[in-house]
Amino acid sequence: MHATSRPTRITPQAAAQAAADYLGLPTARLTTHNDAAHIFTADMHHLTAWYRALGGTVTRERAGLGVTLWTLRTHTEPRNDGTHTPILIHCLALTTEDIDPTLTNAAA
C-alpha cells in the first residue's frame, strides 16, 4: 500500500509572516482568527507600507474617545494552486493624527 501525501496546509499566520519577510514589511503582533491573518502594527507608516505593497481595502472606525481603528483588508499573492491567504492589518491612531493621504484617500 502506498502512502498518499497530502499537501501541507500553511497556516494564515505563517503565510502572512512569509509575505512580510519577503516584502520587508513590519509586523508588531501577528495572530490568526477565522482563517485570516491579523497583523497589528504600531505605526500608521507601517499600515501605509502594507497598503503600497499589496493594495486592498482600507476602512476606519471609531475605537474610543479620540481614537480611530484603521484596517487594511488584503491578501497574500496567489499560490501555485490559485489560493491566497486573507490578511487584515490593523493600526490605532489618534483622530488628530496626520494620516498619509494614501490611506485617507483609500478609506471607504
Foldseek 3Di string as FASTA:
>chain_A
DDDDDDDDDDQQQRQVVVQCVVLVADAPDWDDDPQAIEGEDEDLVSVVSVCVVFNAAWEWDDDDVQKIKIKGWGWHDADPVRDIHIYIYIYMDGNPDDHPVVRVVRYD
